[in-house]
Amino acid sequence: MCFRRVLSPIGVVVLLLLNVAGVAAEVSGISEKELAVQVSELNRLFSKMYEGGDENRWNACDSFTHAARQVMEDYADKDFPFDRIRNLNYFKAENGSFRMLNWGIPEASGTVTYKALLQVHRPNKNDHILYELNDMSVYYPYPEGEILTPDTWWGAFYYQCIEKKVDNRTYYTFLGWNSGNPLYQQSVVEIMRIKSDGSVEFGAPLFVNKGRVAGTERLDKTLKDSEIKRVVFRFSRKSGMILRYDYQSYIEKNAKGKKVERKADMIIFDVLTPRQTAMSDDYAYYIPMGGKYQAYVFQDNKWRLKSDVSARNPERHPKSPRPKHP
């Protein structure tokens, strides 16, 4: 699992005076006073993104991005308490391969545009690459089959990260939310891979649906699993949906054809349905069915879709971390 800071929903940001006593011990060689000044300034700049009109917000975003880039570069080989920046989402790989700052900028239209700074460590060269990710989701309305790069990032506000190894490669599966479409919301299961040269790919053919459409009761036998690089759920802006990594149970048939209950960590999500059959082509009217769930369970190096899922919070596996949700 990636370490992460899970945030309260984006809204009105209240700038708090932070008590950074003791934090300096986390950053070797940096005085407590200097650290306090940097944390306070990042908080001040970040809070400006939620004040005034669109132009002021984007000017504030540019100022924060510039300052945060400088801090990430200055502290490339050191920890920095980015988790002290309110409403900034912060991820860090356990092995130090990357760290990410992720946030959203609310627009006057009611939509949200997303940004991220991704710093990748290259152990072979003992250096770092810093990518600035700009939301390109408007150019990829249906990105399920796309392999994307930092330049074509499908923007989202991530809140969980799951680390998995496949054939000596590490994949990071992010769960996120996108409110950039004026007609409907979107949730996403995104996969990120860091190559040995430090380049980054978003999207990977690790999903096994077997002709089913995740998050619905529909079948599509023409859709090959190798074509699915990420999973996107679309639903009403007046509704919400569950999408989280949790320890739950599902039912499947064993080798003798008997139904048995399995328990596992899984990416669990609502099954969505249109309010009326006539609205089946309009995602603005899709809502959760209520009490009906599907999930992806990681088996044999793939995220495999399970349809008969029970979200009853069974007794947790002792090694399963308790997830936090926004």
C-alpha atoms as a PDB file:
ATOM      1  CA  MET A   1       0.000   0.000   0.000  1.00  0.00           C
ATOM      2  CA  CYS A   2       1.046   3.585  -0.594  1.00  0.00           C
ATOM      3  CA  PHE A   3       1.070   5.906   2.371  1.00  0.00           C
ATOM      4  CA  ARG A   4      -1.593   8.524   1.851  1.00  0.00           C
ATOM      5  CA  ARG A   5      -3.335  11.477   3.414  1.00  0.00           C
ATOM      6  CA  VAL A   6      -7.094  11.300   2.845  1.00  0.00           C
ATOM      7  CA  LEU A   7      -8.801  14.647   2.801  1.00  0.00           C
ATOM      8  CA  SER A   8     -12.128  16.188   3.630  1.00  0.00           C
ATOM      9  CA  PRO A   9     -14.256  17.058   0.541  1.00  0.00           C
ATOM     10  CA  ILE A  10     -13.099  20.087  -1.408  1.00  0.00           C
ATOM     11  CA  GLY A  11     -15.050  23.117  -0.304  1.00  0.00           C
ATOM     12  CA  VAL A  12     -14.407  26.250   1.690  1.00  0.00           C
ATOM     13  CA  VAL A  13     -10.888  26.056   3.017  1.00  0.00           C
ATOM     14  CA  VAL A  14     -10.232  27.517   6.429  1.00  0.00           C
ATOM     15  CA  LEU A  15      -6.630  28.538   6.882  1.00  0.00           C
ATOM     16  CA  LEU A  16      -5.407  27.289  10.235  1.00  0.00           C
ATOM     17  CA  LEU A  17      -2.284  28.212  12.099  1.00  0.00           C
ATOM     18  CA  LEU A  18      -0.272  24.998  12.256  1.00  0.00           C
ATOM     19  CA  ASN A  19       1.671  23.729  15.183  1.00  0.00           C
ATOM     20  CA  VAL A  20       4.779  22.306  13.622  1.00  0.00           C
ATOM     21  CA  ALA A  21       6.693  21.620  16.824  1.00  0.00           C
ATOM     22  CA  GLY A  22       8.306  18.237  16.499  1.00  0.00           C
ATOM     23  CA  VAL A  23       7.890  18.091  12.719  1.00  0.00           C
ATOM     24  CA  ALA A  24      11.422  19.311  12.136  1.00  0.00           C
ATOM     25  CA  ALA A  25      12.711  16.013  13.451  1.00  0.00           C
ATOM     26  CA  GLU A  26      11.259  14.407  10.299  1.00  0.00           C
ATOM     27  CA  VAL A  27      13.451  16.544   8.033  1.00  0.00           C
ATOM     28  CA  SER A  28      17.099  16.095   8.770  1.00  0.00           C
ATOM     29  CA  GLY A  29      19.225  19.226   8.748  1.00  0.00           C
ATOM     30  CA  ILE A  30      16.340  21.702   8.470  1.00  0.00           C
ATOM     31  CA  SER A  31      15.598  24.071  11.314  1.00  0.00           C
ATOM     32  CA  GLU A  32      12.161  24.071  12.885  1.00  0.00           C
ATOM     33  CA  LYS A  33      11.753  27.759  12.068  1.00  0.00           C
ATOM     34  CA  GLU A  34      12.572  27.296   8.371  1.00  0.00           C
ATOM     35  CA  LEU A  35      10.222  24.330   8.103  1.00  0.00           C
ATOM     36  CA  ALA A  36       7.408  26.261   9.811  1.00  0.00           C
ATOM     37  CA  VAL A  37       7.797  29.133   7.356  1.00  0.00           C
ATOM     38  CA  GLN A  38       7.638  26.825   4.322  1.00  0.00           C
ATOM     39  CA  VAL A  39       4.600  24.904   5.583  1.00  0.00           C
ATOM     40  CA  SER A  40       2.795  28.139   6.430  1.00  0.00           C
ATOM     41  CA  GLU A  41       3.510  29.640   3.015  1.00  0.00           C
ATOM     42  CA  LEU A  42       2.298  26.540   1.159  1.00  0.00           C
ATOM     43  CA  ASN A  43      -0.897  26.610   3.205  1.00  0.00           C
ATOM     44  CA  ARG A  44      -1.401  30.302   2.415  1.00  0.00           C
ATOM     45  CA  LEU A  45      -0.929  29.785  -1.308  1.00  0.00           C
ATOM     46  CA  PHE A  46      -3.103  26.701  -1.420  1.00  0.00           C
ATOM     47  CA  SER A  47      -5.994  28.399   0.395  1.00  0.00           C
ATOM     48  CA  LYS A  48      -6.057  31.155  -2.244  1.00  0.00           C
ATOM     49  CA  MET A  49      -7.261  28.607  -4.812  1.00  0.00           C
ATOM     50  CA  TYR A  50     -10.677  28.580  -3.152  1.00  0.00           C
ATOM     51  CA  GLU A  51     -11.165  32.336  -3.047  1.00  0.00           C
ATOM     52  CA  GLY A  52     -12.492  34.727  -5.702  1.00  0.00           C
ATOM     53  CA  GLY A  53     -13.253  34.047  -9.340  1.00  0.00           C
ATOM     54  CA  ASP A  54     -11.762  31.616 -11.841  1.00  0.00           C
ATOM     55  CA  GLU A  55      -8.888  33.901 -12.860  1.00  0.00           C
ATOM     56  CA  ASN A  56      -7.782  34.441  -9.258  1.00  0.00           C
ATOM     57  CA  ARG A  57      -8.044  30.720  -8.550  1.00  0.00           C
ATOM     58  CA  TRP A  58      -5.840  29.798 -11.486  1.00  0.00           C
ATOM     59  CA  ASN A  59      -3.304  32.498 -10.638  1.00  0.00           C
ATOM     60  CA  ALA A  60      -3.215  31.057  -7.108  1.00  0.00           C
ATOM     61  CA  CYS A  61      -2.838  27.562  -8.539  1.00  0.00           C
ATOM     62  CA  ASP A  62       0.156  28.681 -10.600  1.00  0.00           C
ATOM     63  CA  SER A  63       1.737  30.271  -7.516  1.00  0.00           C
ATOM     64  CA  PHE A  64       1.185  27.170  -5.389  1.00  0.00           C
ATOM     65  CA  THR A  65       2.433  24.844  -8.131  1.00  0.00           C
ATOM     66  CA  HIS A  66       5.639  26.859  -8.510  1.00  0.00           C
ATOM     67  CA  ALA A  67       6.272  26.888  -4.753  1.00  0.00           C
ATOM     68  CA  ALA A  68       5.449  23.191  -4.314  1.00  0.00           C
ATOM     69  CA  ARG A  69       7.738  22.224  -7.211  1.00  0.00           C
ATOM     70  CA  GLN A  70      10.583  24.110  -5.562  1.00  0.00           C
ATOM     71  CA  VAL A  71      10.010  22.400  -2.228  1.00  0.00           C
ATOM     72  CA  MET A  72       9.839  18.954  -3.854  1.00  0.00           C
ATOM     73  CA  GLU A  73      13.103  19.621  -5.676  1.00  0.00           C
ATOM     74  CA  ASP A  74      14.817  21.051  -2.593  1.00  0.00           C
ATOM     75  CA  TYR A  75      13.667  18.097  -0.481  1.00  0.00           C
ATOM     76  CA  ALA A  76      14.075  15.440  -3.163  1.00  0.00           C
ATOM     77  CA  ASP A  77      16.116  13.233  -0.829  1.00  0.00           C
ATOM     78  CA  LYS A  78      14.325  14.225   2.373  1.00  0.00           C
ATOM     79  CA  ASP A  79      10.871  13.900   3.873  1.00  0.00           C
ATOM     80  CA  PHE A  80       8.676  16.977   3.944  1.00  0.00           C
ATOM     81  CA  PRO A  81       5.346  17.211   5.838  1.00  0.00           C
ATOM     82  CA  PHE A  82       3.112  17.785   2.825  1.00  0.00           C
ATOM     83  CA  ASP A  83       0.331  16.191   4.850  1.00  0.00           C
ATOM     84  CA  ARG A  84       0.179  19.458   6.819  1.00  0.00           C
ATOM     85  CA  ILE A  85      -1.252  21.248   3.774  1.00  0.00           C
ATOM     86  CA  ARG A  86      -5.021  21.274   4.170  1.00  0.00           C
ATOM     87  CA  ASN A  87      -7.033  19.749   1.288  1.00  0.00           C
ATOM     88  CA  LEU A  88      -3.869  18.667  -0.515  1.00  0.00           C
ATOM     89  CA  ASN A  89      -3.824  14.943  -1.173  1.00  0.00           C
ATOM     90  CA  TYR A  90      -0.417  13.367  -0.616  1.00  0.00           C
ATOM     91  CA  PHE A  91       0.760   9.898  -1.628  1.00  0.00           C
ATOM     92  CA  LYS A  92       4.132   8.308  -1.059  1.00  0.00           C
ATOM     93  CA  ALA A  93       5.242   4.820  -2.089  1.00  0.00           C
ATOM     94  CA  GLU A  94       6.547   2.679   0.739  1.00  0.00           C
ATOM     95  CA  ASN A  95       9.746   1.975  -1.198  1.00  0.00           C
ATOM     96  CA  GLY A  96      10.255   5.658  -2.021  1.00  0.00           C
ATOM     97  CA  SER A  97       9.769   5.169  -5.779  1.00  0.00           C
ATOM     98  CA  PHE A  98       7.424   8.148  -6.010  1.00  0.00           C
ATOM     99  CA  ARG A  99       5.500  10.798  -4.162  1.00  0.00           C
ATOM    100  CA  MET A 100       2.507  12.709  -5.469  1.00  0.00           C
ATOM    101  CA  LEU A 101       0.681  15.909  -4.598  1.00  0.00           C
ATOM    102  CA  ASN A 102      -2.873  15.924  -5.977  1.00  0.00           C
ATOM    103  CA  TRP A 103      -5.630  18.527  -5.804  1.00  0.00           C
ATOM    104  CA  GLY A 104      -8.631  20.011  -7.617  1.00  0.00           C
ATOM    105  CA  ILE A 105      -9.515  23.556  -8.681  1.00  0.00           C
ATOM    106  CA  PRO A 106     -13.273  24.305  -8.562  1.00  0.00           C
ATOM    107  CA  GLU A 107     -14.604  26.206 -11.566  1.00  0.00           C
ATOM    108  CA  ALA A 108     -17.449  28.751 -11.627  1.00  0.00           C
ATOM    109  CA  SER A 109     -19.416  26.278 -13.778  1.00  0.00           C
ATOM    110  CA  GLY A 110     -19.548  23.831 -10.882  1.00  0.00           C
ATOM    111  CA  THR A 111     -17.023  21.453 -12.418  1.00  0.00           C
ATOM    112  CA  VAL A 112     -13.548  20.702 -11.067  1.00  0.00           C
ATOM    113  CA  THR A 113     -10.202  20.615 -12.888  1.00  0.00           C
ATOM    114  CA  TYR A 114      -7.407  18.489 -11.447  1.00  0.00           C
ATOM    115  CA  LYS A 115      -3.672  18.914 -11.002  1.00  0.00           C
ATOM    116  CA  ALA A 116      -0.840  16.818  -9.641  1.00  0.00           C
ATOM    117  CA  LEU A 117       2.892  16.922  -9.090  1.00  0.00           C
ATOM    118  CA  LEU A 118       4.527  13.519  -9.404  1.00  0.00           C
ATOM    119  CA  GLN A 119       8.129  13.039  -8.315  1.00  0.00           C
ATOM    120  CA  VAL A 120       9.772   9.779  -9.393  1.00  0.00           C
ATOM    121  CA  HIS A 121      12.998   8.380  -7.978  1.00  0.00           C
ATOM    122  CA  ARG A 122      15.372   6.696 -10.417  1.00  0.00           C
ATOM    123  CA  PRO A 123      17.562   4.337  -8.357  1.00  0.00           C
ATOM    124  CA  ASN A 124      19.792   3.460 -11.329  1.00  0.00           C
ATOM    125  CA  LYS A 125      20.868   7.101 -11.655  1.00  0.00           C
ATOM    126  CA  ASN A 126      20.209   8.121  -8.061  1.00  0.00           C
ATOM    127  CA  ASP A 127      18.208  11.142  -9.150  1.00  0.00           C
ATOM    128  CA  HIS A 128      14.586  12.311  -9.469  1.00  0.00           C
ATOM    129  CA  ILE A 129      12.192  13.364 -12.236  1.00  0.00           C
ATOM    130  CA  LEU A 130       9.384  15.790 -11.431  1.00  0.00           C
ATOM    131  CA  TYR A 131       6.265  15.657 -13.608  1.00  0.00           C
ATOM    132  CA  GLU A 132       3.528  18.290 -13.597  1.00  0.00           C
ATOM    133  CA  LEU A 133       0.221  16.599 -14.416  1.00  0.00           C
ATOM    134  CA  ASN A 134      -2.538  18.684 -16.011  1.00  0.00           C
ATOM    135  CA  ASP A 135      -6.089  17.398 -16.364  1.00  0.00           C
ATOM    136  CA  MET A 136      -6.677  16.157 -19.924  1.00  0.00           C
ATOM    137  CA  SER A 137      -9.881  14.239 -19.157  1.00  0.00           C
ATOM    138  CA  VAL A 138     -11.967  16.597 -21.324  1.00  0.00           C
ATOM    139  CA  TYR A 139     -10.012  15.328 -24.362  1.00  0.00           C
ATOM    140  CA  TYR A 140     -10.578  11.674 -23.397  1.00  0.00           C
ATOM    141  CA  PRO A 141     -14.304  11.298 -22.633  1.00  0.00           C
ATOM    142  CA  TYR A 142     -13.985   7.508 -22.922  1.00  0.00           C
ATOM    143  CA  PRO A 143     -10.428   6.673 -21.831  1.00  0.00           C
ATOM    144  CA  GLU A 144     -10.969   3.028 -20.900  1.00  0.00           C
ATOM    145  CA  GLY A 145      -8.754   1.708 -23.697  1.00  0.00           C
ATOM    146  CA  GLU A 146      -5.995   4.346 -23.568  1.00  0.00           C
ATOM    147  CA  ILE A 147      -2.424   4.082 -22.306  1.00  0.00           C
ATOM    148  CA  LEU A 148      -1.684   7.635 -21.150  1.00  0.00           C
ATOM    149  CA  THR A 149       1.395   9.564 -20.032  1.00  0.00           C
ATOM    150  CA  PRO A 150       2.035  12.502 -17.682  1.00  0.00           C
ATOM    151  CA  ASP A 151       1.334  14.784 -20.684  1.00  0.00           C
ATOM    152  CA  THR A 152      -2.071  13.169 -21.328  1.00  0.00           C
ATOM    153  CA  TRP A 153      -3.076  12.416 -17.719  1.00  0.00           C
ATOM    154  CA  TRP A 154      -6.786  11.671 -17.176  1.00  0.00           C
ATOM    155  CA  GLY A 155      -7.206  13.979 -14.198  1.00  0.00           C
ATOM    156  CA  ALA A 156      -8.844  12.879 -10.959  1.00  0.00           C
ATOM    157  CA  PHE A 157      -8.816  13.481  -7.229  1.00  0.00           C
ATOM    158  CA  TYR A 158      -7.282  10.299  -5.831  1.00  0.00           C
ATOM    159  CA  TYR A 159      -8.102   9.049  -2.344  1.00  0.00           C
ATOM    160  CA  GLN A 160      -6.736   5.492  -2.204  1.00  0.00           C
ATOM    161  CA  CYS A 161      -3.674   3.780  -3.635  1.00  0.00           C
ATOM    162  CA  ILE A 162      -3.091   0.015  -3.808  1.00  0.00           C
ATOM    163  CA  GLU A 163       0.341  -1.387  -4.570  1.00  0.00           C
ATOM    164  CA  LYS A 164       0.624  -4.722  -6.424  1.00  0.00           C
ATOM    165  CA  LYS A 165       3.539  -6.581  -8.005  1.00  0.00           C
ATOM    166  CA  VAL A 166       3.148  -8.434 -11.297  1.00  0.00           C
ATOM    167  CA  ASP A 167       6.108 -10.267 -12.842  1.00  0.00           C
ATOM    168  CA  ASN A 168       8.644  -8.141 -10.920  1.00  0.00           C
ATOM    169  CA  ARG A 169       6.858  -4.952 -11.979  1.00  0.00           C
ATOM    170  CA  THR A 170       5.098  -2.726  -9.443  1.00  0.00           C
ATOM    171  CA  TYR A 171       1.702  -1.300 -10.314  1.00  0.00           C
ATOM    172  CA  TYR A 172      -0.079   1.380  -8.299  1.00  0.00           C
ATOM    173  CA  THR A 173      -3.865   1.260  -8.523  1.00  0.00           C
ATOM    174  CA  PHE A 174      -5.509   4.568  -7.636  1.00  0.00           C
ATOM    175  CA  LEU A 175      -9.168   5.083  -6.804  1.00  0.00           C
ATOM    176  CA  GLY A 176     -10.333   8.565  -7.715  1.00  0.00           C
ATOM    177  CA  TRP A 177     -13.156  10.961  -8.490  1.00  0.00           C
ATOM    178  CA  ASN A 178     -13.639  13.282 -11.452  1.00  0.00           C
ATOM    179  CA  SER A 179     -16.224  16.073 -11.532  1.00  0.00           C
ATOM    180  CA  GLY A 180     -15.017  17.699 -14.719  1.00  0.00           C
ATOM    181  CA  ASN A 181     -18.046  16.835 -16.849  1.00  0.00           C
ATOM    182  CA  PRO A 182     -20.969  19.269 -16.471  1.00  0.00           C
ATOM    183  CA  LEU A 183     -23.569  16.512 -17.021  1.00  0.00           C
ATOM    184  CA  TYR A 184     -22.385  13.679 -14.778  1.00  0.00           C
ATOM    185  CA  GLN A 185     -19.743  12.632 -12.261  1.00  0.00           C
ATOM    186  CA  GLN A 186     -17.123   9.955 -12.805  1.00  0.00           C
ATOM    187  CA  SER A 187     -15.185   7.617 -10.564  1.00  0.00           C
ATOM    188  CA  VAL A 188     -12.085   5.855 -11.816  1.00  0.00           C
ATOM    189  CA  VAL A 189      -9.865   2.868 -11.142  1.00  0.00           C
ATOM    190  CA  GLU A 190      -6.538   4.025 -12.562  1.00  0.00           C
ATOM    191  CA  ILE A 191      -3.275   2.098 -12.762  1.00  0.00           C
ATOM    192  CA  MET A 192       0.146   3.748 -12.784  1.00  0.00           C
ATOM    193  CA  ARG A 193       3.449   2.078 -13.650  1.00  0.00           C
ATOM    194  CA  ILE A 194       6.910   3.591 -13.304  1.00  0.00           C
ATOM    195  CA  LYS A 195       9.472   2.237 -15.757  1.00  0.00           C
ATOM    196  CA  SER A 196      13.152   1.728 -14.978  1.00  0.00           C
ATOM    197  CA  ASP A 197      14.094   4.898 -16.874  1.00  0.00           C
ATOM    198  CA  GLY A 198      11.706   6.969 -14.752  1.00  0.00           C
ATOM    199  CA  SER A 199       9.024   7.355 -17.416  1.00  0.00           C
ATOM    200  CA  VAL A 200       5.432   6.846 -16.278  1.00  0.00           C
ATOM    201  CA  GLU A 201       2.419   5.144 -17.836  1.00  0.00           C
ATOM    202  CA  PHE A 202      -1.210   5.433 -16.760  1.00  0.00           C
ATOM    203  CA  GLY A 203      -3.404   2.481 -17.675  1.00  0.00           C
ATOM    204  CA  ALA A 204      -2.616  -1.238 -17.850  1.00  0.00           C
ATOM    205  CA  PRO A 205      -4.440  -4.357 -19.109  1.00  0.00           C
ATOM    206  CA  LEU A 206      -4.851  -5.905 -15.664  1.00  0.00           C
ATOM    207  CA  PHE A 207      -8.664  -6.149 -15.646  1.00  0.00           C
ATOM    208  CA  VAL A 208     -10.592  -9.368 -16.285  1.00  0.00           C
ATOM    209  CA  ASN A 209     -14.302  -8.751 -16.945  1.00  0.00           C
ATOM    210  CA  LYS A 210     -15.135 -11.732 -19.183  1.00  0.00           C
ATOM    211  CA  GLY A 211     -17.682  -9.824 -21.206  1.00  0.00           C
ATOM    212  CA  ARG A 212     -19.309  -8.032 -18.273  1.00  0.00           C
ATOM    213  CA  VAL A 213     -19.423  -4.248 -17.903  1.00  0.00           C
ATOM    214  CA  ALA A 214     -18.170  -3.267 -14.463  1.00  0.00           C
ATOM    215  CA  GLY A 215     -20.658  -1.292 -12.391  1.00  0.00           C
ATOM    216  CA  THR A 216     -23.679  -2.434 -14.419  1.00  0.00           C
ATOM    217  CA  GLU A 217     -25.655  -5.609 -15.112  1.00  0.00           C
ATOM    218  CA  ARG A 218     -24.919  -5.362 -18.825  1.00  0.00           C
ATOM    219  CA  LEU A 219     -22.925  -7.798 -20.945  1.00  0.00           C
ATOM    220  CA  ASP A 220     -20.673  -6.857 -23.850  1.00  0.00           C
ATOM    221  CA  LYS A 221     -19.028  -9.912 -25.351  1.00  0.00           C
ATOM    222  CA  THR A 222     -17.314  -7.750 -27.995  1.00  0.00           C
ATOM    223  CA  LEU A 223     -15.186  -6.051 -25.317  1.00  0.00           C
ATOM    224  CA  LYS A 224     -11.881  -7.875 -24.879  1.00  0.00           C
ATOM    225  CA  ASP A 225     -10.179  -7.760 -21.500  1.00  0.00           C
ATOM    226  CA  SER A 226      -6.899  -6.785 -23.150  1.00  0.00           C
ATOM    227  CA  GLU A 227      -8.602  -3.573 -24.323  1.00  0.00           C
ATOM    228  CA  ILE A 228      -9.511  -2.425 -20.802  1.00  0.00           C
ATOM    229  CA  LYS A 229      -6.727  -0.215 -19.418  1.00  0.00           C
ATOM    230  CA  ARG A 230      -8.758   1.569 -16.708  1.00  0.00           C
ATOM    231  CA  VAL A 231     -12.320   1.442 -15.393  1.00  0.00           C
ATOM    232  CA  VAL A 232     -14.552   4.533 -15.349  1.00  0.00           C
ATOM    233  CA  PHE A 233     -17.980   4.773 -13.711  1.00  0.00           C
ATOM    234  CA  ARG A 234     -20.385   7.533 -14.785  1.00  0.00           C
ATOM    235  CA  PHE A 235     -23.352   8.630 -12.690  1.00  0.00           C
ATOM    236  CA  SER A 236     -25.678  11.497 -11.784  1.00  0.00           C
ATOM    237  CA  ARG A 237     -24.262  14.704 -10.333  1.00  0.00           C
ATOM    238  CA  LYS A 238     -27.097  14.533  -7.791  1.00  0.00           C
ATOM    239  CA  SER A 239     -26.020  11.122  -6.546  1.00  0.00           C
ATOM    240  CA  GLY A 240     -22.902   9.397  -5.258  1.00  0.00           C
ATOM    241  CA  MET A 241     -21.390   5.934  -5.437  1.00  0.00           C
ATOM    242  CA  ILE A 242     -19.239   3.662  -3.316  1.00  0.00           C
ATOM    243  CA  LEU A 243     -15.765   2.948  -4.689  1.00  0.00           C
ATOM    244  CA  ARG A 244     -13.237   1.836  -2.094  1.00  0.00           C
ATOM    245  CA  TYR A 245     -10.637  -0.780  -1.240  1.00  0.00           C
ATOM    246  CA  ASP A 246     -11.963  -2.855   1.642  1.00  0.00           C
ATOM    247  CA  TYR A 247     -12.106  -6.339   3.170  1.00  0.00           C
ATOM    248  CA  GLN A 248     -15.425  -7.887   2.158  1.00  0.00           C
ATOM    249  CA  SER A 249     -16.897 -11.167   0.944  1.00  0.00           C
ATOM    250  CA  TYR A 250     -18.170 -12.500  -2.362  1.00  0.00           C
ATOM    251  CA  ILE A 251     -19.897 -15.661  -3.568  1.00  0.00           C
ATOM    252  CA  GLU A 252     -18.551 -17.898  -6.302  1.00  0.00           C
ATOM    253  CA  LYS A 253     -18.837 -21.498  -7.433  1.00  0.00           C
ATOM    254  CA  ASN A 254     -16.108 -23.958  -6.481  1.00  0.00           C
ATOM    255  CA  ALA A 255     -14.775 -26.811  -8.627  1.00  0.00           C
ATOM    256  CA  LYS A 256     -17.871 -28.895  -7.767  1.00  0.00           C
ATOM    257  CA  GLY A 257     -20.254 -26.124  -8.813  1.00  0.00           C
ATOM    258  CA  LYS A 258     -21.271 -25.344  -5.245  1.00  0.00           C
ATOM    259  CA  LYS A 259     -21.608 -21.722  -4.148  1.00  0.00           C
ATOM    260  CA  VAL A 260     -19.087 -20.767  -1.484  1.00  0.00           C
ATOM    261  CA  GLU A 261     -18.270 -17.521   0.309  1.00  0.00           C
ATOM    262  CA  ARG A 262     -14.798 -16.054  -0.103  1.00  0.00           C
ATOM    263  CA  LYS A 263     -13.342 -13.204   1.918  1.00  0.00           C
ATOM    264  CA  ALA A 264     -10.673 -10.882   0.535  1.00  0.00           C
ATOM    265  CA  ASP A 265      -9.425  -7.353   0.149  1.00  0.00           C
ATOM    266  CA  MET A 266     -11.192  -5.953  -2.892  1.00  0.00           C
ATOM    267  CA  ILE A 267     -12.108  -2.834  -4.801  1.00  0.00           C
ATOM    268  CA  ILE A 268     -15.815  -2.718  -4.064  1.00  0.00           C
ATOM    269  CA  PHE A 269     -18.331  -0.501  -5.887  1.00  0.00           C
ATOM    270  CA  ASP A 270     -22.042   0.081  -6.448  1.00  0.00           C
ATOM    271  CA  VAL A 271     -23.928  -1.359  -9.382  1.00  0.00           C
ATOM    272  CA  LEU A 272     -25.350   1.614 -11.301  1.00  0.00           C
ATOM    273  CA  THR A 273     -28.644   1.737 -13.155  1.00  0.00           C
ATOM    274  CA  PRO A 274     -30.652   4.440 -14.998  1.00  0.00           C
ATOM    275  CA  ARG A 275     -33.662   5.868 -13.178  1.00  0.00           C
ATOM    276  CA  GLN A 276     -35.775   4.706 -16.108  1.00  0.00           C
ATOM    277  CA  THR A 277     -35.023   2.271 -18.946  1.00  0.00           C
ATOM    278  CA  ALA A 278     -35.557   5.040 -21.501  1.00  0.00           C
ATOM    279  CA  MET A 279     -32.624   6.920 -19.931  1.00  0.00           C
ATOM    280  CA  SER A 280     -30.114   4.102 -20.390  1.00  0.00           C
ATOM    281  CA  ASP A 281     -28.014   6.170 -22.828  1.00  0.00           C
ATOM    282  CA  ASP A 282     -27.784   9.193 -20.516  1.00  0.00           C
ATOM    283  CA  TYR A 283     -25.274   8.883 -17.647  1.00  0.00           C
ATOM    284  CA  ALA A 284     -26.756  11.963 -15.978  1.00  0.00           C
ATOM    285  CA  TYR A 285     -29.581   9.696 -14.778  1.00  0.00           C
ATOM    286  CA  TYR A 286     -27.521   6.750 -13.506  1.00  0.00           C
ATOM    287  CA  ILE A 287     -27.730   6.057  -9.770  1.00  0.00           C
ATOM    288  CA  PRO A 288     -26.675   3.180  -7.462  1.00  0.00           C
ATOM    289  CA  MET A 289     -29.139   0.299  -7.335  1.00  0.00           C
ATOM    290  CA  GLY A 290     -28.845   0.216  -3.539  1.00  0.00           C
ATOM    291  CA  GLY A 291     -27.581  -2.871  -1.742  1.00  0.00           C
ATOM    292  CA  LYS A 292     -26.100  -4.403  -4.921  1.00  0.00           C
ATOM    293  CA  TYR A 293     -22.324  -4.408  -5.332  1.00  0.00           C
ATOM    294  CA  GLN A 294     -19.555  -5.698  -7.544  1.00  0.00           C
ATOM    295  CA  ALA A 295     -15.832  -5.826  -6.886  1.00  0.00           C
ATOM    296  CA  TYR A 296     -12.402  -6.394  -8.340  1.00  0.00           C
ATOM    297  CA  VAL A 297     -10.370  -8.998  -6.475  1.00  0.00           C
ATOM    298  CA  PHE A 298      -6.656  -9.323  -7.222  1.00  0.00           C
ATOM    299  CA  GLN A 299      -6.057 -12.946  -8.229  1.00  0.00           C
ATOM    300  CA  ASP A 300      -3.321 -14.438 -10.408  1.00  0.00           C
ATOM    301  CA  ASN A 301      -1.865 -10.990 -11.132  1.00  0.00           C
ATOM    302  CA  LYS A 302      -5.138  -9.543 -12.422  1.00  0.00           C
ATOM    303  CA  TRP A 303      -8.055  -7.491 -11.111  1.00  0.00           C
ATOM    304  CA  ARG A 304     -10.909  -9.983 -11.623  1.00  0.00           C
ATOM    305  CA  LEU A 305     -14.516  -8.791 -11.628  1.00  0.00           C
ATOM    306  CA  LYS A 306     -16.843 -10.428  -9.068  1.00  0.00           C
ATOM    307  CA  SER A 307     -20.574  -9.858  -9.331  1.00  0.00           C
ATOM    308  CA  ASP A 308     -22.053 -11.434  -6.198  1.00  0.00           C
ATOM    309  CA  VAL A 309     -20.545  -9.249  -3.463  1.00  0.00           C
ATOM    310  CA  SER A 310     -21.739  -8.810   0.101  1.00  0.00           C
ATOM    311  CA  ALA A 311     -20.753  -5.493   1.711  1.00  0.00           C
ATOM    312  CA  ARG A 312     -21.240  -6.581   5.302  1.00  0.00           C
ATOM    313  CA  ASN A 313     -17.793  -5.766   6.685  1.00  0.00           C
ATOM    314  CA  PRO A 314     -16.850  -9.308   7.786  1.00  0.00           C
ATOM    315  CA  GLU A 315     -14.140  -9.818  10.375  1.00  0.00           C
ATOM    316  CA  ARG A 316     -11.035  -8.233   8.917  1.00  0.00           C
ATOM    317  CA  HIS A 317      -8.005 -10.184   7.877  1.00  0.00           C
ATOM    318  CA  PRO A 318      -5.229  -9.481  10.414  1.00  0.00           C
ATOM    319  CA  LYS A 319      -2.903  -8.231   7.693  1.00  0.00           C
ATOM    320  CA  SER A 320      -5.519  -6.124   5.940  1.00  0.00           C
ATOM    321  CA  PRO A 321      -5.123  -2.385   6.626  1.00  0.00           C
ATOM    322  CA  ARG A 322      -8.319  -0.558   7.477  1.00  0.00           C
ATOM    323  CA  PRO A 323      -8.939   1.872   4.621  1.00  0.00           C
ATOM    324  CA  LYS A 324      -9.805   5.513   5.116  1.00  0.00           C
ATOM    325  CA  HIS A 325     -12.318   7.245   2.878  1.00  0.00           C
ATOM    326  CA  PRO A 326     -12.951  10.844   1.902  1.00  0.00           C
END
